[in-house]
Amino acid sequence: MHNMSSPVWLITGASNGFGLGMCLHVLRAGHRVIGSVRSTTKAATAVEQIEQAGGSVIELDMTESQASIASKIYALGRIDYLINVAGYSILAACEDITDKEATLQMTTNFFGPLYTLQAVLPVMRAQRSGTIVNISSGAAQDPLPACSLYSASKAALEAASESLAKEVAPHNIRVLIVEPGNFRTNFVSALSDASPDPATVAPHYDDPVGVVIRKFLTVHGKQPGDPQKGVERIFEAVTGTGMAGPLAGKISRLVLGSDAYARMQKSCERFGNDLSLQEEVALSTNYA
């Protein structure tokens, strides 16, 4: 039984991976959890695990309308932490992505989380406290071939998060972006359902697009990241406890995994190089 004064967490994408792991870890810490899944029937195993641990589960599809998401979240009452985990990726050449695929990718990975955080903000403002965590990806800062729309959806989420953080800081609300690398979840295996067969990639895009798709589809079960450790670091950075506790309130991005850290370093070096090369040009455009 959890104390009714314990913090309340709303965690989306609770059917598996980071979402489910986060729910169970937070419950073990004695906090209250509301996990969301697209279908409680399809996610029956996860629902049972969460409920047996003392949490509750609601149905929430990231492709629902803004009004629908808002009505479901308003009914929950107090929310201290929102963890936006739900999302997926399509792998394909940018030229080949259909309007339907592009819309679904952006709706699920950007508009769904946006509508969710919009719905919790009035509650957090009234409480004068709250934390919003948006799970992004290294792909937002270092987009790979075949990842154009996925990277775009996560880059949009990151940009919105950084602006939001400045807007809500006066209300004692924090916003944290999490950039995980390759963790041993079912995220990669799900790519095969959302992405084209590598054999169908147009010959002129086989390298590098086909190469990247084939690589992604063969690494399932071999990813270096331990999901449990990733969940622990997120919890620590949010609550100010444990190894990542000292980072609370000091960083805008939490990078998880040796591969993600290397990608972020590479991105920083690339941005720095771009700036150093063009300083004279950039400064030449002001009125004399």
C-alpha atoms as a PDB file:
ATOM      1  CA  MET A   1       0.000   0.000   0.000  1.00  0.00           C
ATOM      2  CA  HIS A   2       1.382   3.384  -1.008  1.00  0.00           C
ATOM      3  CA  ASN A   3       1.024   6.469   1.169  1.00  0.00           C
ATOM      4  CA  MET A   4      -1.565   8.851  -0.306  1.00  0.00           C
ATOM      5  CA  SER A   5       0.902  11.699   0.215  1.00  0.00           C
ATOM      6  CA  SER A   6       3.475   9.983  -2.006  1.00  0.00           C
ATOM      7  CA  PRO A   7       4.321  11.652  -5.337  1.00  0.00           C
ATOM      8  CA  VAL A   8       2.183  10.672  -8.327  1.00  0.00           C
ATOM      9  CA  TRP A   9       3.827   9.683 -11.607  1.00  0.00           C
ATOM     10  CA  LEU A  10       2.113   9.505 -15.000  1.00  0.00           C
ATOM     11  CA  ILE A  11       4.236   7.326 -17.289  1.00  0.00           C
ATOM     12  CA  THR A  12       3.251   6.828 -20.924  1.00  0.00           C
ATOM     13  CA  GLY A  13       4.313   3.865 -23.040  1.00  0.00           C
ATOM     14  CA  ALA A  14       4.035   1.555 -20.037  1.00  0.00           C
ATOM     15  CA  SER A  15       3.474  -1.645 -22.011  1.00  0.00           C
ATOM     16  CA  ASN A  16       7.179  -2.505 -22.266  1.00  0.00           C
ATOM     17  CA  GLY A  17      10.748  -1.219 -22.264  1.00  0.00           C
ATOM     18  CA  PHE A  18      11.601   1.970 -20.431  1.00  0.00           C
ATOM     19  CA  GLY A  19       7.945   2.723 -19.744  1.00  0.00           C
ATOM     20  CA  LEU A  20       7.221  -0.535 -17.944  1.00  0.00           C
ATOM     21  CA  GLY A  21      10.609  -0.535 -16.233  1.00  0.00           C
ATOM     22  CA  MET A  22      10.045   3.001 -15.007  1.00  0.00           C
ATOM     23  CA  CYS A  23       6.616   2.125 -13.607  1.00  0.00           C
ATOM     24  CA  LEU A  24       7.929  -0.821 -11.627  1.00  0.00           C
ATOM     25  CA  HIS A  25      11.002   1.022 -10.341  1.00  0.00           C
ATOM     26  CA  VAL A  26       8.967   4.006  -9.154  1.00  0.00           C
ATOM     27  CA  LEU A  27       6.480   1.700  -7.422  1.00  0.00           C
ATOM     28  CA  ARG A  28       9.307  -0.092  -5.625  1.00  0.00           C
ATOM     29  CA  ALA A  29      10.432   3.325  -4.378  1.00  0.00           C
ATOM     30  CA  GLY A  30       7.042   3.741  -2.690  1.00  0.00           C
ATOM     31  CA  HIS A  31       5.602   6.326  -5.050  1.00  0.00           C
ATOM     32  CA  ARG A  32       2.245   6.151  -6.803  1.00  0.00           C
ATOM     33  CA  VAL A  33       2.118   5.325 -10.515  1.00  0.00           C
ATOM     34  CA  ILE A  34      -0.397   5.700 -13.315  1.00  0.00           C
ATOM     35  CA  GLY A  35       0.891   3.971 -16.409  1.00  0.00           C
ATOM     36  CA  SER A  36      -0.653   4.477 -19.814  1.00  0.00           C
ATOM     37  CA  VAL A  37      -0.888   1.981 -22.672  1.00  0.00           C
ATOM     38  CA  ARG A  38      -2.653   2.020 -26.030  1.00  0.00           C
ATOM     39  CA  SER A  39      -4.648  -1.102 -25.200  1.00  0.00           C
ATOM     40  CA  THR A  40      -4.971  -2.774 -21.816  1.00  0.00           C
ATOM     41  CA  THR A  41      -5.964  -5.971 -23.626  1.00  0.00           C
ATOM     42  CA  LYS A  42      -2.850  -6.102 -25.806  1.00  0.00           C
ATOM     43  CA  ALA A  43      -0.670  -5.030 -22.887  1.00  0.00           C
ATOM     44  CA  ALA A  44      -2.325  -7.405 -20.404  1.00  0.00           C
ATOM     45  CA  THR A  45       0.966  -8.786 -19.062  1.00  0.00           C
ATOM     46  CA  ALA A  46       2.354  -5.322 -18.339  1.00  0.00           C
ATOM     47  CA  VAL A  47      -0.946  -4.190 -16.844  1.00  0.00           C
ATOM     48  CA  GLU A  48      -0.914  -7.163 -14.476  1.00  0.00           C
ATOM     49  CA  GLN A  49       2.671  -6.437 -13.399  1.00  0.00           C
ATOM     50  CA  ILE A  50       1.937  -2.782 -12.700  1.00  0.00           C
ATOM     51  CA  GLU A  51      -1.306  -3.455 -10.848  1.00  0.00           C
ATOM     52  CA  GLN A  52       0.213  -6.253  -8.757  1.00  0.00           C
ATOM     53  CA  ALA A  53       2.956  -3.813  -7.735  1.00  0.00           C
ATOM     54  CA  GLY A  54       0.321  -1.323  -6.586  1.00  0.00           C
ATOM     55  CA  GLY A  55      -0.006   0.926  -9.623  1.00  0.00           C
ATOM     56  CA  SER A  56      -2.877   1.651 -11.978  1.00  0.00           C
ATOM     57  CA  VAL A  57      -3.139   1.715 -15.767  1.00  0.00           C
ATOM     58  CA  ILE A  58      -5.197   3.787 -18.190  1.00  0.00           C
ATOM     59  CA  GLU A  59      -5.645   3.553 -21.942  1.00  0.00           C
ATOM     60  CA  LEU A  60      -4.060   6.495 -23.748  1.00  0.00           C
ATOM     61  CA  ASP A  61      -3.128   6.481 -27.420  1.00  0.00           C
ATOM     62  CA  MET A  62      -0.608   9.116 -28.503  1.00  0.00           C
ATOM     63  CA  THR A  63      -2.533   9.518 -31.768  1.00  0.00           C
ATOM     64  CA  GLU A  64      -5.715  10.627 -29.991  1.00  0.00           C
ATOM     65  CA  SER A  65      -6.934  14.195 -30.354  1.00  0.00           C
ATOM     66  CA  GLN A  66      -5.739  16.953 -28.067  1.00  0.00           C
ATOM     67  CA  ALA A  67      -9.182  17.130 -26.440  1.00  0.00           C
ATOM     68  CA  SER A  68      -9.350  13.369 -25.868  1.00  0.00           C
ATOM     69  CA  ILE A  69      -5.925  13.207 -24.232  1.00  0.00           C
ATOM     70  CA  ALA A  70      -6.712  16.245 -22.099  1.00  0.00           C
ATOM     71  CA  SER A  71     -10.013  14.844 -20.827  1.00  0.00           C
ATOM     72  CA  LYS A  72      -8.387  11.588 -19.726  1.00  0.00           C
ATOM     73  CA  ILE A  73      -5.550  13.345 -17.922  1.00  0.00           C
ATOM     74  CA  TYR A  74      -7.748  15.974 -16.233  1.00  0.00           C
ATOM     75  CA  ALA A  75      -9.647  13.102 -14.618  1.00  0.00           C
ATOM     76  CA  LEU A  76      -6.495  11.855 -12.883  1.00  0.00           C
ATOM     77  CA  GLY A  77      -6.081  14.785 -10.514  1.00  0.00           C
ATOM     78  CA  ARG A  78      -2.680  15.354  -8.962  1.00  0.00           C
ATOM     79  CA  ILE A  79       0.385  14.655 -11.124  1.00  0.00           C
ATOM     80  CA  ASP A  80       3.889  15.338  -9.790  1.00  0.00           C
ATOM     81  CA  TYR A  81       5.936  13.702 -12.528  1.00  0.00           C
ATOM     82  CA  LEU A  82       5.115  13.169 -16.189  1.00  0.00           C
ATOM     83  CA  ILE A  83       7.395  10.764 -18.057  1.00  0.00           C
ATOM     84  CA  ASN A  84       6.675  10.817 -21.794  1.00  0.00           C
ATOM     85  CA  VAL A  85       8.068   7.497 -23.024  1.00  0.00           C
ATOM     86  CA  ALA A  86       5.632   6.394 -25.728  1.00  0.00           C
ATOM     87  CA  GLY A  87       7.035   6.452 -29.244  1.00  0.00           C
ATOM     88  CA  TYR A  88       8.324   4.401 -32.154  1.00  0.00           C
ATOM     89  CA  SER A  89      10.546   4.740 -35.220  1.00  0.00           C
ATOM     90  CA  ILE A  90      10.160   4.142 -38.917  1.00  0.00           C
ATOM     91  CA  LEU A  91      13.331   3.461 -40.900  1.00  0.00           C
ATOM     92  CA  ALA A  92      13.212   4.495 -44.552  1.00  0.00           C
ATOM     93  CA  ALA A  93      14.794   6.829 -47.060  1.00  0.00           C
ATOM     94  CA  CYS A  94      13.393  10.329 -46.608  1.00  0.00           C
ATOM     95  CA  GLU A  95      12.257  10.364 -50.239  1.00  0.00           C
ATOM     96  CA  ASP A  96      10.243   7.170 -49.790  1.00  0.00           C
ATOM     97  CA  ILE A  97       8.258   8.051 -46.664  1.00  0.00           C
ATOM     98  CA  THR A  98       4.546   8.432 -47.385  1.00  0.00           C
ATOM     99  CA  ASP A  99       2.322  11.199 -46.108  1.00  0.00           C
ATOM    100  CA  LYS A 100       0.527   8.707 -43.854  1.00  0.00           C
ATOM    101  CA  GLU A 101       3.798   7.396 -42.398  1.00  0.00           C
ATOM    102  CA  ALA A 102       5.163  10.896 -41.825  1.00  0.00           C
ATOM    103  CA  THR A 103       1.975  12.055 -40.134  1.00  0.00           C
ATOM    104  CA  LEU A 104       1.805   9.024 -37.846  1.00  0.00           C
ATOM    105  CA  GLN A 105       5.475   9.383 -36.879  1.00  0.00           C
ATOM    106  CA  MET A 106       5.099  13.046 -35.936  1.00  0.00           C
ATOM    107  CA  THR A 107       1.732  12.518 -34.240  1.00  0.00           C
ATOM    108  CA  THR A 108       2.981   9.683 -32.041  1.00  0.00           C
ATOM    109  CA  ASN A 109       6.411  11.067 -31.165  1.00  0.00           C
ATOM    110  CA  PHE A 110       5.708  14.793 -31.005  1.00  0.00           C
ATOM    111  CA  PHE A 111       2.045  15.800 -30.903  1.00  0.00           C
ATOM    112  CA  GLY A 112       1.033  13.031 -28.482  1.00  0.00           C
ATOM    113  CA  PRO A 113       3.684  13.992 -25.897  1.00  0.00           C
ATOM    114  CA  LEU A 114       2.901  17.670 -26.534  1.00  0.00           C
ATOM    115  CA  TYR A 115      -0.808  17.193 -25.815  1.00  0.00           C
ATOM    116  CA  THR A 116       0.032  15.122 -22.736  1.00  0.00           C
ATOM    117  CA  LEU A 117       2.297  17.730 -21.194  1.00  0.00           C
ATOM    118  CA  GLN A 118      -0.183  20.480 -22.082  1.00  0.00           C
ATOM    119  CA  ALA A 119      -2.808  18.608 -20.092  1.00  0.00           C
ATOM    120  CA  VAL A 120      -0.665  18.216 -16.958  1.00  0.00           C
ATOM    121  CA  LEU A 121       0.655  21.781 -16.886  1.00  0.00           C
ATOM    122  CA  PRO A 122      -2.466  23.400 -15.336  1.00  0.00           C
ATOM    123  CA  VAL A 123      -2.289  20.820 -12.537  1.00  0.00           C
ATOM    124  CA  MET A 124       1.422  21.402 -11.954  1.00  0.00           C
ATOM    125  CA  ARG A 125       1.020  25.182 -12.023  1.00  0.00           C
ATOM    126  CA  ALA A 126      -1.699  24.953  -9.401  1.00  0.00           C
ATOM    127  CA  GLN A 127       0.591  22.763  -7.296  1.00  0.00           C
ATOM    128  CA  ARG A 128       3.523  25.142  -7.872  1.00  0.00           C
ATOM    129  CA  SER A 129       5.664  22.082  -8.561  1.00  0.00           C
ATOM    130  CA  GLY A 130       6.197  19.310 -11.060  1.00  0.00           C
ATOM    131  CA  THR A 131       8.653  17.644 -13.400  1.00  0.00           C
ATOM    132  CA  ILE A 132       8.210  16.745 -17.059  1.00  0.00           C
ATOM    133  CA  VAL A 133      10.581  14.232 -18.630  1.00  0.00           C
ATOM    134  CA  ASN A 134      10.527  13.761 -22.385  1.00  0.00           C
ATOM    135  CA  ILE A 135      12.305  10.668 -23.671  1.00  0.00           C
ATOM    136  CA  SER A 136      14.114  11.630 -26.847  1.00  0.00           C
ATOM    137  CA  SER A 137      17.010   9.973 -28.673  1.00  0.00           C
ATOM    138  CA  GLY A 138      20.570  10.593 -29.796  1.00  0.00           C
ATOM    139  CA  ALA A 139      18.995  10.684 -33.254  1.00  0.00           C
ATOM    140  CA  ALA A 140      17.731  14.190 -32.495  1.00  0.00           C
ATOM    141  CA  GLN A 141      21.278  15.553 -32.364  1.00  0.00           C
ATOM    142  CA  ASP A 142      23.022  13.054 -34.650  1.00  0.00           C
ATOM    143  CA  PRO A 143      20.544  11.856 -37.307  1.00  0.00           C
ATOM    144  CA  LEU A 144      21.550   8.719 -39.185  1.00  0.00           C
ATOM    145  CA  PRO A 145      20.521   7.760 -42.727  1.00  0.00           C
ATOM    146  CA  ALA A 146      17.045   6.142 -42.776  1.00  0.00           C
ATOM    147  CA  CYS A 147      16.084   8.055 -39.617  1.00  0.00           C
ATOM    148  CA  SER A 148      14.940  11.374 -41.081  1.00  0.00           C
ATOM    149  CA  LEU A 149      11.364  11.432 -39.761  1.00  0.00           C
ATOM    150  CA  TYR A 150      12.197   9.780 -36.444  1.00  0.00           C
ATOM    151  CA  SER A 151      15.026  12.270 -35.920  1.00  0.00           C
ATOM    152  CA  ALA A 152      12.743  15.139 -36.914  1.00  0.00           C
ATOM    153  CA  SER A 153      10.076  14.055 -34.417  1.00  0.00           C
ATOM    154  CA  LYS A 154      12.596  13.859 -31.582  1.00  0.00           C
ATOM    155  CA  ALA A 155      14.307  17.112 -32.555  1.00  0.00           C
ATOM    156  CA  ALA A 156      10.910  18.816 -32.468  1.00  0.00           C
ATOM    157  CA  LEU A 157      10.238  17.353 -29.019  1.00  0.00           C
ATOM    158  CA  GLU A 158      13.622  18.566 -27.764  1.00  0.00           C
ATOM    159  CA  ALA A 159      13.159  22.091 -29.125  1.00  0.00           C
ATOM    160  CA  ALA A 160       9.708  22.328 -27.559  1.00  0.00           C
ATOM    161  CA  SER A 161      11.110  20.983 -24.276  1.00  0.00           C
ATOM    162  CA  GLU A 162      13.858  23.607 -24.114  1.00  0.00           C
ATOM    163  CA  SER A 163      11.419  26.438 -24.774  1.00  0.00           C
ATOM    164  CA  LEU A 164       8.921  24.977 -22.300  1.00  0.00           C
ATOM    165  CA  ALA A 165      11.590  24.742 -19.591  1.00  0.00           C
ATOM    166  CA  LYS A 166      12.074  28.516 -19.758  1.00  0.00           C
ATOM    167  CA  GLU A 167       8.330  29.162 -19.722  1.00  0.00           C
ATOM    168  CA  VAL A 168       7.550  27.054 -16.661  1.00  0.00           C
ATOM    169  CA  ALA A 169      10.638  27.715 -14.528  1.00  0.00           C
ATOM    170  CA  PRO A 170       8.875  30.593 -12.686  1.00  0.00           C
ATOM    171  CA  HIS A 171       6.193  28.091 -11.650  1.00  0.00           C
ATOM    172  CA  ASN A 172       8.751  25.730 -10.090  1.00  0.00           C
ATOM    173  CA  ILE A 173       8.250  23.164 -12.874  1.00  0.00           C
ATOM    174  CA  ARG A 174      11.288  21.412 -14.332  1.00  0.00           C
ATOM    175  CA  VAL A 175      11.700  19.890 -17.787  1.00  0.00           C
ATOM    176  CA  LEU A 176      14.290  17.237 -18.588  1.00  0.00           C
ATOM    177  CA  ILE A 177      15.177  15.701 -21.950  1.00  0.00           C
ATOM    178  CA  VAL A 178      16.514  12.135 -21.854  1.00  0.00           C
ATOM    179  CA  GLU A 179      18.632  10.875 -24.751  1.00  0.00           C
ATOM    180  CA  PRO A 180      19.079   7.090 -24.477  1.00  0.00           C
ATOM    181  CA  GLY A 181      21.383   5.124 -26.734  1.00  0.00           C
ATOM    182  CA  ASN A 182      20.777   1.524 -27.763  1.00  0.00           C
ATOM    183  CA  PHE A 183      19.205  -0.281 -24.823  1.00  0.00           C
ATOM    184  CA  ARG A 184      18.127  -3.907 -24.746  1.00  0.00           C
ATOM    185  CA  THR A 185      14.391  -3.306 -25.079  1.00  0.00           C
ATOM    186  CA  ASN A 186      11.978  -4.324 -27.826  1.00  0.00           C
ATOM    187  CA  PHE A 187      12.344  -0.922 -29.541  1.00  0.00           C
ATOM    188  CA  VAL A 188      14.591  -2.329 -32.273  1.00  0.00           C
ATOM    189  CA  SER A 189      12.493  -5.455 -32.826  1.00  0.00           C
ATOM    190  CA  ALA A 190       9.435  -3.225 -33.302  1.00  0.00           C
ATOM    191  CA  LEU A 191      11.219  -1.489 -36.171  1.00  0.00           C
ATOM    192  CA  SER A 192      10.572  -4.487 -38.403  1.00  0.00           C
ATOM    193  CA  ASP A 193       6.821  -3.875 -38.099  1.00  0.00           C
ATOM    194  CA  ALA A 194       7.035  -0.155 -38.888  1.00  0.00           C
ATOM    195  CA  SER A 195       9.788  -0.164 -41.520  1.00  0.00           C
ATOM    196  CA  PRO A 196      10.100  -1.513 -45.067  1.00  0.00           C
ATOM    197  CA  ASP A 197      11.958  -4.700 -45.899  1.00  0.00           C
ATOM    198  CA  PRO A 198      15.585  -3.673 -46.595  1.00  0.00           C
ATOM    199  CA  ALA A 199      15.287  -5.575 -49.885  1.00  0.00           C
ATOM    200  CA  THR A 200      12.735  -3.027 -51.094  1.00  0.00           C
ATOM    201  CA  VAL A 201      15.033  -0.027 -50.613  1.00  0.00           C
ATOM    202  CA  ALA A 202      15.725   1.630 -53.972  1.00  0.00           C
ATOM    203  CA  PRO A 203      19.183   0.722 -55.355  1.00  0.00           C
ATOM    204  CA  HIS A 204      20.305   4.354 -55.331  1.00  0.00           C
ATOM    205  CA  TYR A 205      19.699   4.464 -51.565  1.00  0.00           C
ATOM    206  CA  ASP A 206      20.952   1.012 -50.601  1.00  0.00           C
ATOM    207  CA  ASP A 207      24.119   2.604 -49.268  1.00  0.00           C
ATOM    208  CA  PRO A 208      23.727   4.181 -46.785  1.00  0.00           C
ATOM    209  CA  VAL A 209      19.967   3.733 -46.119  1.00  0.00           C
ATOM    210  CA  GLY A 210      19.760  -0.019 -46.689  1.00  0.00           C
ATOM    211  CA  VAL A 211      22.964  -0.542 -44.730  1.00  0.00           C
ATOM    212  CA  VAL A 212      21.552   1.260 -41.690  1.00  0.00           C
ATOM    213  CA  ILE A 213      18.222  -0.578 -41.816  1.00  0.00           C
ATOM    214  CA  ARG A 214      19.920  -3.979 -42.013  1.00  0.00           C
ATOM    215  CA  LYS A 215      22.184  -3.072 -39.114  1.00  0.00           C
ATOM    216  CA  PHE A 216      19.274  -1.991 -36.909  1.00  0.00           C
ATOM    217  CA  LEU A 217      17.284  -5.126 -37.655  1.00  0.00           C
ATOM    218  CA  THR A 218      20.149  -7.420 -36.637  1.00  0.00           C
ATOM    219  CA  VAL A 219      21.153  -5.871 -33.295  1.00  0.00           C
ATOM    220  CA  HIS A 220      18.106  -6.892 -31.247  1.00  0.00           C
ATOM    221  CA  GLY A 221      19.283  -8.597 -28.069  1.00  0.00           C
ATOM    222  CA  LYS A 222      22.824  -7.301 -28.549  1.00  0.00           C
ATOM    223  CA  GLN A 223      22.320  -3.671 -27.543  1.00  0.00           C
ATOM    224  CA  PRO A 224      24.858  -2.501 -24.922  1.00  0.00           C
ATOM    225  CA  GLY A 225      22.422  -0.595 -22.706  1.00  0.00           C
ATOM    226  CA  ASP A 226      20.882  -2.161 -19.586  1.00  0.00           C
ATOM    227  CA  PRO A 227      17.276  -0.852 -19.331  1.00  0.00           C
ATOM    228  CA  GLN A 228      17.165  -1.256 -15.550  1.00  0.00           C
ATOM    229  CA  LYS A 229      20.254   0.903 -15.097  1.00  0.00           C
ATOM    230  CA  GLY A 230      18.801   3.460 -17.493  1.00  0.00           C
ATOM    231  CA  VAL A 231      15.570   3.603 -15.510  1.00  0.00           C
ATOM    232  CA  GLU A 232      17.513   4.021 -12.272  1.00  0.00           C
ATOM    233  CA  ARG A 233      19.515   6.958 -13.650  1.00  0.00           C
ATOM    234  CA  ILE A 234      16.335   8.693 -14.846  1.00  0.00           C
ATOM    235  CA  PHE A 235      14.686   8.251 -11.439  1.00  0.00           C
ATOM    236  CA  GLU A 236      17.803   9.576  -9.691  1.00  0.00           C
ATOM    237  CA  ALA A 237      18.158  12.618 -11.955  1.00  0.00           C
ATOM    238  CA  VAL A 238      14.501  13.488 -11.430  1.00  0.00           C
ATOM    239  CA  THR A 239      14.325  12.924  -7.670  1.00  0.00           C
ATOM    240  CA  GLY A 240      17.805  14.151  -6.753  1.00  0.00           C
ATOM    241  CA  THR A 241      18.894  10.821  -5.302  1.00  0.00           C
ATOM    242  CA  GLY A 242      21.632   8.273  -6.022  1.00  0.00           C
ATOM    243  CA  MET A 243      24.396   8.511  -8.619  1.00  0.00           C
ATOM    244  CA  ALA A 244      22.610  10.955 -10.938  1.00  0.00           C
ATOM    245  CA  GLY A 245      21.069  12.933  -8.079  1.00  0.00           C
ATOM    246  CA  PRO A 246      23.634  15.769  -8.147  1.00  0.00           C
ATOM    247  CA  LEU A 247      22.588  16.509 -11.746  1.00  0.00           C
ATOM    248  CA  ALA A 248      19.013  17.379 -10.748  1.00  0.00           C
ATOM    249  CA  GLY A 249      18.168  20.884 -11.886  1.00  0.00           C
ATOM    250  CA  LYS A 250      21.619  21.407 -13.419  1.00  0.00           C
ATOM    251  CA  ILE A 251      21.245  19.800 -16.853  1.00  0.00           C
ATOM    252  CA  SER A 252      18.733  20.089 -19.672  1.00  0.00           C
ATOM    253  CA  ARG A 253      19.666  16.711 -21.195  1.00  0.00           C
ATOM    254  CA  LEU A 254      20.416  13.383 -19.550  1.00  0.00           C
ATOM    255  CA  VAL A 255      22.490  11.238 -21.912  1.00  0.00           C
ATOM    256  CA  LEU A 256      22.308   7.491 -21.242  1.00  0.00           C
ATOM    257  CA  GLY A 257      24.667   4.892 -22.690  1.00  0.00           C
ATOM    258  CA  SER A 258      28.252   4.914 -23.921  1.00  0.00           C
ATOM    259  CA  ASP A 259      27.049   5.025 -27.529  1.00  0.00           C
ATOM    260  CA  ALA A 260      24.741   7.978 -26.861  1.00  0.00           C
ATOM    261  CA  TYR A 261      27.536   9.822 -25.058  1.00  0.00           C
ATOM    262  CA  ALA A 262      29.889   9.293 -28.010  1.00  0.00           C
ATOM    263  CA  ARG A 263      27.226  10.538 -30.435  1.00  0.00           C
ATOM    264  CA  MET A 264      26.634  13.648 -28.338  1.00  0.00           C
ATOM    265  CA  GLN A 265      30.372  14.345 -28.256  1.00  0.00           C
ATOM    266  CA  LYS A 266      30.494  13.939 -32.035  1.00  0.00           C
ATOM    267  CA  SER A 267      27.579  16.337 -32.458  1.00  0.00           C
ATOM    268  CA  CYS A 268      29.153  18.950 -30.193  1.00  0.00           C
ATOM    269  CA  GLU A 269      32.403  18.719 -32.155  1.00  0.00           C
ATOM    270  CA  ARG A 270      30.516  19.092 -35.435  1.00  0.00           C
ATOM    271  CA  PHE A 271      28.600  22.142 -34.214  1.00  0.00           C
ATOM    272  CA  GLY A 272      31.795  23.685 -32.858  1.00  0.00           C
ATOM    273  CA  ASN A 273      33.604  23.091 -36.136  1.00  0.00           C
ATOM    274  CA  ASP A 274      30.751  24.660 -38.106  1.00  0.00           C
ATOM    275  CA  LEU A 275      30.894  27.767 -35.915  1.00  0.00           C
ATOM    276  CA  SER A 276      34.660  28.163 -36.061  1.00  0.00           C
ATOM    277  CA  LEU A 277      34.685  27.896 -39.860  1.00  0.00           C
ATOM    278  CA  GLN A 278      32.077  30.594 -40.400  1.00  0.00           C
ATOM    279  CA  GLU A 279      32.732  33.180 -37.700  1.00  0.00           C
ATOM    280  CA  GLU A 280      33.904  35.851 -40.164  1.00  0.00           C
ATOM    281  CA  VAL A 281      30.936  35.235 -42.476  1.00  0.00           C
ATOM    282  CA  ALA A 282      28.409  35.230 -39.620  1.00  0.00           C
ATOM    283  CA  LEU A 283      29.707  38.501 -38.175  1.00  0.00           C
ATOM    284  CA  SER A 284      29.807  40.233 -41.560  1.00  0.00           C
ATOM    285  CA  THR A 285      26.036  40.681 -41.930  1.00  0.00           C
ATOM    286  CA  ASN A 286      25.272  43.405 -39.352  1.00  0.00           C
ATOM    287  CA  TYR A 287      24.794  47.033 -40.316  1.00  0.00           C
ATOM    288  CA  ALA A 288      28.165  48.755 -40.387  1.00  0.00           C
END
